[in-house]
Amino acid sequence: MGRVVLNHSTHIDGLIPVLKKLALNNKVKTVTPATISRARGKSSNLVIRVSIKTINGYKAIARKGKTAQEVFISTDLSKDELKKLLDVCNHS
C-alpha cells in the first residue's frame, strides 16, 4: 500500500480521492501531485492520463476544465496496468 504526498496547498477538484484509491494498490509506492498549469483545451470531467516513464515510475497528467496538474507515481506496474488501474479508480 502506497501513500499520497500532499506537499502543495492546491489541487484539482476531485483529484485527491482518486489518488488515495490509487495508493491502496500494493504495487504503488508513492503518488505525488505536482505543478498546476493552464491547459488550452477544456475537459468537463477529471481525466488522468499516463504521460512518460520516469526513473522509478510514471508521470501522469490530471486535467479538469482548463487546469492541468502533473502527478508523479512511483510504482512497479507497467504502463498498461497503471492505465487500467487509473481508469478503475477514476470511475468508481
PDB file of N, CA and C in Angstrom:
ATOM      1  N   MET A   1       0.835  -1.180   0.000  1.00  0.00           N
ATOM      2  CA  MET A   1       0.000   0.000   0.000  1.00  0.00           C
ATOM      3  C   MET A   1       0.883   1.246   0.000  1.00  0.00           C
ATOM      4  N   GLY A   2       0.582   2.165  -0.899  1.00  0.00           N
ATOM      5  CA  GLY A   2       1.381   3.378  -1.033  1.00  0.00           C
ATOM      6  C   GLY A   2       0.825   4.530  -0.225  1.00  0.00           C
ATOM      7  N   ARG A   3       1.360   5.700  -0.489  1.00  0.00           N
ATOM      8  CA  ARG A   3       0.879   6.889   0.204  1.00  0.00           C
ATOM      9  C   ARG A   3       0.801   8.046  -0.774  1.00  0.00           C
ATOM     10  N   VAL A   4      -0.063   8.996  -0.453  1.00  0.00           N
ATOM     11  CA  VAL A   4      -0.216  10.214  -1.244  1.00  0.00           C
ATOM     12  C   VAL A   4       0.557  11.319  -0.541  1.00  0.00           C
ATOM     13  N   VAL A   5       1.496  11.935  -1.251  1.00  0.00           N
ATOM     14  CA  VAL A   5       2.309  13.008  -0.691  1.00  0.00           C
ATOM     15  C   VAL A   5       1.606  14.327  -0.995  1.00  0.00           C
ATOM     16  N   LEU A   6       1.132  15.001   0.041  1.00  0.00           N
ATOM     17  CA  LEU A   6       0.416  16.272  -0.126  1.00  0.00           C
ATOM     18  C   LEU A   6       1.339  17.432   0.232  1.00  0.00           C
ATOM     19  N   ASN A   7       2.151  17.867  -0.743  1.00  0.00           N
ATOM     20  CA  ASN A   7       3.103  18.937  -0.462  1.00  0.00           C
ATOM     21  C   ASN A   7       2.680  20.273  -1.059  1.00  0.00           C
ATOM     22  N   HIS A   8       1.533  20.321  -1.738  1.00  0.00           N
ATOM     23  CA  HIS A   8       1.005  21.583  -2.265  1.00  0.00           C
ATOM     24  C   HIS A   8      -0.318  21.879  -1.577  1.00  0.00           C
ATOM     25  N   SER A   9      -0.652  23.145  -1.505  1.00  0.00           N
ATOM     26  CA  SER A   9      -1.899  23.513  -0.848  1.00  0.00           C
ATOM     27  C   SER A   9      -3.086  23.480  -1.807  1.00  0.00           C
ATOM     28  N   THR A  10      -2.825  23.477  -3.117  1.00  0.00           N
ATOM     29  CA  THR A  10      -3.921  23.462  -4.078  1.00  0.00           C
ATOM     30  C   THR A  10      -3.839  22.241  -4.982  1.00  0.00           C
ATOM     31  N   HIS A  11      -5.004  21.709  -5.295  1.00  0.00           N
ATOM     32  CA  HIS A  11      -5.108  20.546  -6.167  1.00  0.00           C
ATOM     33  C   HIS A  11      -6.342  20.713  -7.040  1.00  0.00           C
ATOM     34  N   ILE A  12      -6.394  19.985  -8.130  1.00  0.00           N
ATOM     35  CA  ILE A  12      -7.581  19.987  -8.981  1.00  0.00           C
ATOM     36  C   ILE A  12      -8.721  19.352  -8.187  1.00  0.00           C
ATOM     37  N   ASP A  13      -9.940  19.907  -8.325  1.00  0.00           N
ATOM     38  CA  ASP A  13     -11.109  19.361  -7.624  1.00  0.00           C
ATOM     39  C   ASP A  13     -11.300  17.887  -7.949  1.00  0.00           C
ATOM     40  N   GLY A  14     -11.447  17.067  -6.921  1.00  0.00           N
ATOM     41  CA  GLY A  14     -11.712  15.647  -7.091  1.00  0.00           C
ATOM     42  C   GLY A  14     -10.488  14.790  -7.322  1.00  0.00           C
ATOM     43  N   LEU A  15      -9.298  15.379  -7.384  1.00  0.00           N
ATOM     44  CA  LEU A  15      -8.083  14.612  -7.667  1.00  0.00           C
ATOM     45  C   LEU A  15      -7.624  13.777  -6.473  1.00  0.00           C
ATOM     46  N   ILE A  16      -7.629  14.340  -5.286  1.00  0.00           N
ATOM     47  CA  ILE A  16      -7.083  13.651  -4.107  1.00  0.00           C
ATOM     48  C   ILE A  16      -7.820  12.348  -3.792  1.00  0.00           C
ATOM     49  N   PRO A  17      -9.170  12.292  -3.823  1.00  0.00           N
ATOM     50  CA  PRO A  17      -9.833  11.000  -3.571  1.00  0.00           C
ATOM     51  C   PRO A  17      -9.432   9.916  -4.573  1.00  0.00           C
ATOM     52  N   VAL A  18      -9.235  10.293  -5.834  1.00  0.00           N
ATOM     53  CA  VAL A  18      -8.812   9.326  -6.855  1.00  0.00           C
ATOM     54  C   VAL A  18      -7.401   8.837  -6.561  1.00  0.00           C
ATOM     55  N   LEU A  19      -6.516   9.751  -6.177  1.00  0.00           N
ATOM     56  CA  LEU A  19      -5.131   9.367  -5.873  1.00  0.00           C
ATOM     57  C   LEU A  19      -5.060   8.489  -4.633  1.00  0.00           C
ATOM     58  N   LYS A  20      -5.930   8.734  -3.647  1.00  0.00           N
ATOM     59  CA  LYS A  20      -5.953   7.881  -2.446  1.00  0.00           C
ATOM     60  C   LYS A  20      -6.397   6.472  -2.788  1.00  0.00           C
ATOM     61  N   LYS A  21      -7.372   6.325  -3.703  1.00  0.00           N
ATOM     62  CA  LYS A  21      -7.787   4.986  -4.164  1.00  0.00           C
ATOM     63  C   LYS A  21      -6.640   4.300  -4.885  1.00  0.00           C
ATOM     64  N   LEU A  22      -5.912   5.073  -5.705  1.00  0.00           N
ATOM     65  CA  LEU A  22      -4.770   4.534  -6.439  1.00  0.00           C
ATOM     66  C   LEU A  22      -3.689   4.036  -5.485  1.00  0.00           C
ATOM     67  N   ALA A  23      -3.461   4.774  -4.406  1.00  0.00           N
ATOM     68  CA  ALA A  23      -2.409   4.429  -3.444  1.00  0.00           C
ATOM     69  C   ALA A  23      -2.731   3.160  -2.653  1.00  0.00           C
ATOM     70  N   LEU A  24      -3.985   2.711  -2.683  1.00  0.00           N
ATOM     71  CA  LEU A  24      -4.341   1.479  -1.976  1.00  0.00           C
ATOM     72  C   LEU A  24      -3.772   0.231  -2.650  1.00  0.00           C
ATOM     73  N   ASN A  25      -3.364   0.335  -3.910  1.00  0.00           N
ATOM     74  CA  ASN A  25      -2.771  -0.797  -4.624  1.00  0.00           C
ATOM     75  C   ASN A  25      -1.400  -1.114  -4.032  1.00  0.00           C
ATOM     76  N   ASN A  26      -1.098  -2.406  -3.867  1.00  0.00           N
ATOM     77  CA  ASN A  26       0.158  -2.824  -3.244  1.00  0.00           C
ATOM     78  C   ASN A  26       1.395  -2.483  -4.069  1.00  0.00           C
ATOM     79  N   LYS A  27       1.261  -2.346  -5.385  1.00  0.00           N
ATOM     80  CA  LYS A  27       2.418  -2.065  -6.233  1.00  0.00           C
ATOM     81  C   LYS A  27       2.683  -0.575  -6.412  1.00  0.00           C
ATOM     82  N   VAL A  28       1.830   0.278  -5.839  1.00  0.00           N
ATOM     83  CA  VAL A  28       2.032   1.725  -5.898  1.00  0.00           C
ATOM     84  C   VAL A  28       2.717   2.160  -4.607  1.00  0.00           C
ATOM     85  N   LYS A  29       3.876   2.822  -4.740  1.00  0.00           N
ATOM     86  CA  LYS A  29       4.637   3.228  -3.558  1.00  0.00           C
ATOM     87  C   LYS A  29       4.240   4.624  -3.099  1.00  0.00           C
ATOM     88  N   THR A  30       4.409   5.610  -3.981  1.00  0.00           N
ATOM     89  CA  THR A  30       4.012   6.980  -3.643  1.00  0.00           C
ATOM     90  C   THR A  30       3.313   7.637  -4.834  1.00  0.00           C
ATOM     91  N   VAL A  31       2.420   8.561  -4.510  1.00  0.00           N
ATOM     92  CA  VAL A  31       1.719   9.356  -5.516  1.00  0.00           C
ATOM     93  C   VAL A  31       1.893  10.813  -5.100  1.00  0.00           C
ATOM     94  N   THR A  32       2.518  11.605  -5.970  1.00  0.00           N
ATOM     95  CA  THR A  32       2.829  12.990  -5.629  1.00  0.00           C
ATOM     96  C   THR A  32       2.226  13.948  -6.650  1.00  0.00           C
ATOM     97  N   PRO A  33       1.163  14.688  -6.286  1.00  0.00           N
ATOM     98  CA  PRO A  33       0.669  15.726  -7.188  1.00  0.00           C
ATOM     99  C   PRO A  33       1.668  16.886  -7.209  1.00  0.00           C
ATOM    100  N   ALA A  34       1.907  17.444  -8.401  1.00  0.00           N
ATOM    101  CA  ALA A  34       2.935  18.483  -8.529  1.00  0.00           C
ATOM    102  C   ALA A  34       2.364  19.748  -9.167  1.00  0.00           C
ATOM    103  N   THR A  35       3.058  20.279 -10.139  1.00  0.00           N
ATOM    104  CA  THR A  35       2.775  21.583 -10.731  1.00  0.00           C
ATOM    105  C   THR A  35       1.391  21.681 -11.364  1.00  0.00           C
ATOM    106  N   ILE A  36       0.708  22.785 -11.083  1.00  0.00           N
ATOM    107  CA  ILE A  36      -0.577  23.087 -11.711  1.00  0.00           C
ATOM    108  C   ILE A  36      -0.328  24.113 -12.809  1.00  0.00           C
ATOM    109  N   SER A  37      -0.972  23.902 -13.964  1.00  0.00           N
ATOM    110  CA  SER A  37      -0.826  24.850 -15.069  1.00  0.00           C
ATOM    111  C   SER A  37      -2.148  25.012 -15.801  1.00  0.00           C
ATOM    112  N   ARG A  38      -2.174  25.959 -16.729  1.00  0.00           N
ATOM    113  CA  ARG A  38      -3.360  26.184 -17.548  1.00  0.00           C
ATOM    114  C   ARG A  38      -3.232  25.349 -18.810  1.00  0.00           C
ATOM    115  N   ALA A  39      -4.356  24.757 -19.233  1.00  0.00           N
ATOM    116  CA  ALA A  39      -4.375  23.964 -20.455  1.00  0.00           C
ATOM    117  C   ALA A  39      -5.147  24.715 -21.529  1.00  0.00           C
ATOM    118  N   ARG A  40      -4.855  24.420 -22.773  1.00  0.00           N
ATOM    119  CA  ARG A  40      -5.543  25.099 -23.872  1.00  0.00           C
ATOM    120  C   ARG A  40      -6.958  24.583 -24.054  1.00  0.00           C
ATOM    121  N   GLY A  41      -7.097  23.262 -24.072  1.00  0.00           N
ATOM    122  CA  GLY A  41      -8.418  22.674 -24.275  1.00  0.00           C
ATOM    123  C   GLY A  41      -9.242  22.720 -23.013  1.00  0.00           C
ATOM    124  N   LYS A  42     -10.416  22.098 -23.072  1.00  0.00           N
ATOM    125  CA  LYS A  42     -11.283  22.061 -21.901  1.00  0.00           C
ATOM    126  C   LYS A  42     -11.872  20.660 -21.762  1.00  0.00           C
ATOM    127  N   SER A  43     -11.720  20.067 -20.595  1.00  0.00           N
ATOM    128  CA  SER A  43     -12.332  18.762 -20.329  1.00  0.00           C
ATOM    129  C   SER A  43     -13.286  18.937 -19.154  1.00  0.00           C
ATOM    130  N   SER A  44     -14.529  18.530 -19.346  1.00  0.00           N
ATOM    131  CA  SER A  44     -15.540  18.779 -18.311  1.00  0.00           C
ATOM    132  C   SER A  44     -15.353  17.876 -17.092  1.00  0.00           C
ATOM    133  N   ASN A  45     -14.896  16.649 -17.305  1.00  0.00           N
ATOM    134  CA  ASN A  45     -14.677  15.712 -16.193  1.00  0.00           C
ATOM    135  C   ASN A  45     -13.190  15.606 -15.888  1.00  0.00           C
ATOM    136  N   LEU A  46     -12.880  15.076 -14.706  1.00  0.00           N
ATOM    137  CA  LEU A  46     -11.492  14.826 -14.336  1.00  0.00           C
ATOM    138  C   LEU A  46     -10.952  13.680 -15.189  1.00  0.00           C
ATOM    139  N   VAL A  47      -9.831  13.922 -15.876  1.00  0.00           N
ATOM    140  CA  VAL A  47      -9.197  12.915 -16.723  1.00  0.00           C
ATOM    141  C   VAL A  47      -7.748  12.802 -16.292  1.00  0.00           C
ATOM    142  N   ILE A  48      -7.279  11.564 -16.078  1.00  0.00           N
ATOM    143  CA  ILE A  48      -5.881  11.341 -15.712  1.00  0.00           C
ATOM    144  C   ILE A  48      -5.264  10.438 -16.770  1.00  0.00           C
ATOM    145  N   ARG A  49      -4.223  10.953 -17.445  1.00  0.00           N
ATOM    146  CA  ARG A  49      -3.545  10.192 -18.490  1.00  0.00           C
ATOM    147  C   ARG A  49      -2.097   9.951 -18.102  1.00  0.00           C
ATOM    148  N   VAL A  50      -1.623   8.731 -18.336  1.00  0.00           N
ATOM    149  CA  VAL A  50      -0.223   8.415 -18.084  1.00  0.00           C
ATOM    150  C   VAL A  50       0.590   9.051 -19.206  1.00  0.00           C
ATOM    151  N   SER A  51       1.614   9.811 -18.844  1.00  0.00           N
ATOM    152  CA  SER A  51       2.376  10.571 -19.830  1.00  0.00           C
ATOM    153  C   SER A  51       3.697   9.873 -20.182  1.00  0.00           C
ATOM    154  N   ILE A  52       4.711   9.988 -19.316  1.00  0.00           N
ATOM    155  CA  ILE A  52       6.028   9.432 -19.634  1.00  0.00           C
ATOM    156  C   ILE A  52       6.564   8.601 -18.480  1.00  0.00           C
ATOM    157  N   LYS A  53       7.529   7.736 -18.805  1.00  0.00           N
ATOM    158  CA  LYS A  53       8.184   6.919 -17.788  1.00  0.00           C
ATOM    159  C   LYS A  53       9.254   7.760 -17.100  1.00  0.00           C
ATOM    160  N   THR A  54       9.342   7.611 -15.784  1.00  0.00           N
ATOM    161  CA  THR A  54      10.391   8.279 -15.011  1.00  0.00           C
ATOM    162  C   THR A  54      11.320   7.215 -14.443  1.00  0.00           C
ATOM    163  N   ILE A  55      12.274   7.616 -13.653  1.00  0.00           N
ATOM    164  CA  ILE A  55      13.257   6.677 -13.097  1.00  0.00           C
ATOM    165  C   ILE A  55      12.578   5.585 -12.271  1.00  0.00           C
ATOM    166  N   ASN A  56      11.616   5.950 -11.420  1.00  0.00           N
ATOM    167  CA  ASN A  56      11.002   4.953 -10.528  1.00  0.00           C
ATOM    168  C   ASN A  56       9.496   4.797 -10.750  1.00  0.00           C
ATOM    169  N   GLY A  57       8.994   5.210 -11.897  1.00  0.00           N
ATOM    170  CA  GLY A  57       7.565   5.055 -12.149  1.00  0.00           C
ATOM    171  C   GLY A  57       7.128   5.824 -13.376  1.00  0.00           C
ATOM    172  N   TYR A  58       6.059   6.608 -13.223  1.00  0.00           N
ATOM    173  CA  TYR A  58       5.498   7.339 -14.357  1.00  0.00           C
ATOM    174  C   TYR A  58       5.056   8.737 -13.947  1.00  0.00           C
ATOM    175  N   LYS A  59       4.984   9.617 -14.954  1.00  0.00           N
ATOM    176  CA  LYS A  59       4.376  10.929 -14.765  1.00  0.00           C
ATOM    177  C   LYS A  59       3.019  10.871 -15.451  1.00  0.00           C
ATOM    178  N   ALA A  60       2.005  11.369 -14.780  1.00  0.00           N
ATOM    179  CA  ALA A  60       0.665  11.424 -15.348  1.00  0.00           C
ATOM    180  C   ALA A  60       0.212  12.879 -15.355  1.00  0.00           C
ATOM    181  N   ILE A  61      -0.756  13.167 -16.206  1.00  0.00           N
ATOM    182  CA  ILE A  61      -1.333  14.500 -16.277  1.00  0.00           C
ATOM    183  C   ILE A  61      -2.811  14.402 -15.919  1.00  0.00           C
ATOM    184  N   ALA A  62      -3.214  15.141 -14.894  1.00  0.00           N
ATOM    185  CA  ALA A  62      -4.629  15.205 -14.496  1.00  0.00           C
ATOM    186  C   ALA A  62      -5.195  16.500 -15.056  1.00  0.00           C
ATOM    187  N   ARG A  63      -6.362  16.409 -15.710  1.00  0.00           N
ATOM    188  CA  ARG A  63      -6.976  17.606 -16.289  1.00  0.00           C
ATOM    189  C   ARG A  63      -8.435  17.700 -15.916  1.00  0.00           C
ATOM    190  N   LYS A  64      -8.860  18.909 -15.638  1.00  0.00           N
ATOM    191  CA  LYS A  64     -10.272  19.200 -15.404  1.00  0.00           C
ATOM    192  C   LYS A  64     -10.489  20.661 -15.759  1.00  0.00           C
ATOM    193  N   GLY A  65     -11.473  20.912 -16.620  1.00  0.00           N
ATOM    194  CA  GLY A  65     -11.698  22.269 -17.091  1.00  0.00           C
ATOM    195  C   GLY A  65     -10.494  22.740 -17.876  1.00  0.00           C
ATOM    196  N   LYS A  66      -9.987  23.916 -17.544  1.00  0.00           N
ATOM    197  CA  LYS A  66      -8.801  24.440 -18.227  1.00  0.00           C
ATOM    198  C   LYS A  66      -7.551  24.320 -17.362  1.00  0.00           C
ATOM    199  N   THR A  67      -7.610  23.454 -16.359  1.00  0.00           N
ATOM    200  CA  THR A  67      -6.496  23.280 -15.436  1.00  0.00           C
ATOM    201  C   THR A  67      -5.864  21.902 -15.621  1.00  0.00           C
ATOM    202  N   ALA A  68      -4.545  21.859 -15.592  1.00  0.00           N
ATOM    203  CA  ALA A  68      -3.809  20.596 -15.682  1.00  0.00           C
ATOM    204  C   ALA A  68      -2.844  20.518 -14.502  1.00  0.00           C
ATOM    205  N   GLN A  69      -2.642  19.299 -14.001  1.00  0.00           N
ATOM    206  CA  GLN A  69      -1.711  19.107 -12.885  1.00  0.00           C
ATOM    207  C   GLN A  69      -0.888  17.853 -13.128  1.00  0.00           C
ATOM    208  N   GLU A  70       0.417  17.970 -12.930  1.00  0.00           N
ATOM    209  CA  GLU A  70       1.301  16.811 -13.046  1.00  0.00           C
ATOM    210  C   GLU A  70       1.132  15.939 -11.807  1.00  0.00           C
ATOM    211  N   VAL A  71       1.205  14.617 -12.008  1.00  0.00           N
ATOM    212  CA  VAL A  71       1.145  13.671 -10.894  1.00  0.00           C
ATOM    213  C   VAL A  71       2.258  12.654 -11.119  1.00  0.00           C
ATOM    214  N   PHE A  72       3.156  12.519 -10.146  1.00  0.00           N
ATOM    215  CA  PHE A  72       4.238  11.553 -10.246  1.00  0.00           C
ATOM    216  C   PHE A  72       3.857  10.314  -9.445  1.00  0.00           C
ATOM    217  N   ILE A  73       3.938   9.151 -10.095  1.00  0.00           N
ATOM    218  CA  ILE A  73       3.524   7.888  -9.484  1.00  0.00           C
ATOM    219  C   ILE A  73       4.725   6.953  -9.440  1.00  0.00           C
ATOM    220  N   SER A  74       5.157   6.612  -8.236  1.00  0.00           N
ATOM    221  CA  SER A  74       6.251   5.668  -8.052  1.00  0.00           C
ATOM    222  C   SER A  74       5.638   4.275  -7.922  1.00  0.00           C
ATOM    223  N   THR A  75       5.929   3.397  -8.903  1.00  0.00           N
ATOM    224  CA  THR A  75       5.272   2.097  -8.942  1.00  0.00           C
ATOM    225  C   THR A  75       6.094   1.065  -9.696  1.00  0.00           C
ATOM    226  N   ASP A  76       5.758  -0.208  -9.479  1.00  0.00           N
ATOM    227  CA  ASP A  76       6.358  -1.317 -10.226  1.00  0.00           C
ATOM    228  C   ASP A  76       5.449  -1.781 -11.357  1.00  0.00           C
ATOM    229  N   LEU A  77       4.278  -1.162 -11.494  1.00  0.00           N
ATOM    230  CA  LEU A  77       3.322  -1.556 -12.525  1.00  0.00           C
ATOM    231  C   LEU A  77       3.820  -1.153 -13.908  1.00  0.00           C
ATOM    232  N   SER A  78       3.352  -1.883 -14.949  1.00  0.00           N
ATOM    233  CA  SER A  78       3.656  -1.479 -16.321  1.00  0.00           C
ATOM    234  C   SER A  78       2.731  -0.321 -16.688  1.00  0.00           C
ATOM    235  N   LYS A  79       3.010   0.320 -17.809  1.00  0.00           N
ATOM    236  CA  LYS A  79       2.210   1.467 -18.243  1.00  0.00           C
ATOM    237  C   LYS A  79       0.753   1.054 -18.473  1.00  0.00           C
ATOM    238  N   ASP A  80       0.546  -0.091 -19.114  1.00  0.00           N
ATOM    239  CA  ASP A  80      -0.820  -0.562 -19.383  1.00  0.00           C
ATOM    240  C   ASP A  80      -1.567  -0.904 -18.099  1.00  0.00           C
ATOM    241  N   GLU A  81      -0.878  -1.559 -17.154  1.00  0.00           N
ATOM    242  CA  GLU A  81      -1.506  -1.891 -15.870  1.00  0.00           C
ATOM    243  C   GLU A  81      -1.889  -0.618 -15.117  1.00  0.00           C
ATOM    244  N   LEU A  82      -1.009   0.385 -15.158  1.00  0.00           N
ATOM    245  CA  LEU A  82      -1.285   1.647 -14.475  1.00  0.00           C
ATOM    246  C   LEU A  82      -2.469   2.367 -15.114  1.00  0.00           C
ATOM    247  N   LYS A  83      -2.556   2.346 -16.453  1.00  0.00           N
ATOM    248  CA  LYS A  83      -3.696   2.960 -17.153  1.00  0.00           C
ATOM    249  C   LYS A  83      -5.004   2.321 -16.716  1.00  0.00           C
ATOM    250  N   LYS A  84      -5.021   0.980 -16.656  1.00  0.00           N
ATOM    251  CA  LYS A  84      -6.236   0.263 -16.240  1.00  0.00           C
ATOM    252  C   LYS A  84      -6.605   0.608 -14.803  1.00  0.00           C
ATOM    253  N   LEU A  85      -5.615   0.650 -13.924  1.00  0.00           N
ATOM    254  CA  LEU A  85      -5.863   0.973 -12.519  1.00  0.00           C
ATOM    255  C   LEU A  85      -6.390   2.395 -12.364  1.00  0.00           C
ATOM    256  N   LEU A  86      -5.828   3.343 -13.119  1.00  0.00           N
ATOM    257  CA  LEU A  86      -6.318   4.726 -13.073  1.00  0.00           C
ATOM    258  C   LEU A  86      -7.761   4.818 -13.559  1.00  0.00           C
ATOM    259  N   ASP A  87      -8.090   4.057 -14.615  1.00  0.00           N
ATOM    260  CA  ASP A  87      -9.472   4.055 -15.110  1.00  0.00           C
ATOM    261  C   ASP A  87     -10.437   3.556 -14.043  1.00  0.00           C
ATOM    262  N   VAL A  88     -10.051   2.484 -13.366  1.00  0.00           N
ATOM    263  CA  VAL A  88     -10.908   1.918 -12.318  1.00  0.00           C
ATOM    264  C   VAL A  88     -11.056   2.911 -11.156  1.00  0.00           C
ATOM    265  N   CYS A  89      -9.966   3.521 -10.720  1.00  0.00           N
ATOM    266  CA  CYS A  89     -10.011   4.468  -9.600  1.00  0.00           C
ATOM    267  C   CYS A  89     -10.800   5.726  -9.951  1.00  0.00           C
ATOM    268  N   ASN A  90     -10.715   6.157 -11.198  1.00  0.00           N
ATOM    269  CA  ASN A  90     -11.366   7.406 -11.615  1.00  0.00           C
ATOM    270  C   ASN A  90     -12.877   7.221 -11.822  1.00  0.00           C
ATOM    271  N   HIS A  91     -13.315   6.012 -12.106  1.00  0.00           N
ATOM    272  CA  HIS A  91     -14.738   5.791 -12.397  1.00  0.00           C
ATOM    273  C   HIS A  91     -15.494   5.090 -11.296  1.00  0.00           C
ATOM    274  N   SER A  92     -14.866   4.875 -10.160  1.00  0.00           N
ATOM    275  CA  SER A  92     -15.591   4.218  -9.051  1.00  0.00           C
ATOM    276  C   SER A  92     -15.934   5.205  -7.974  1.00  0.00           C
TER     277      SER A  92
END
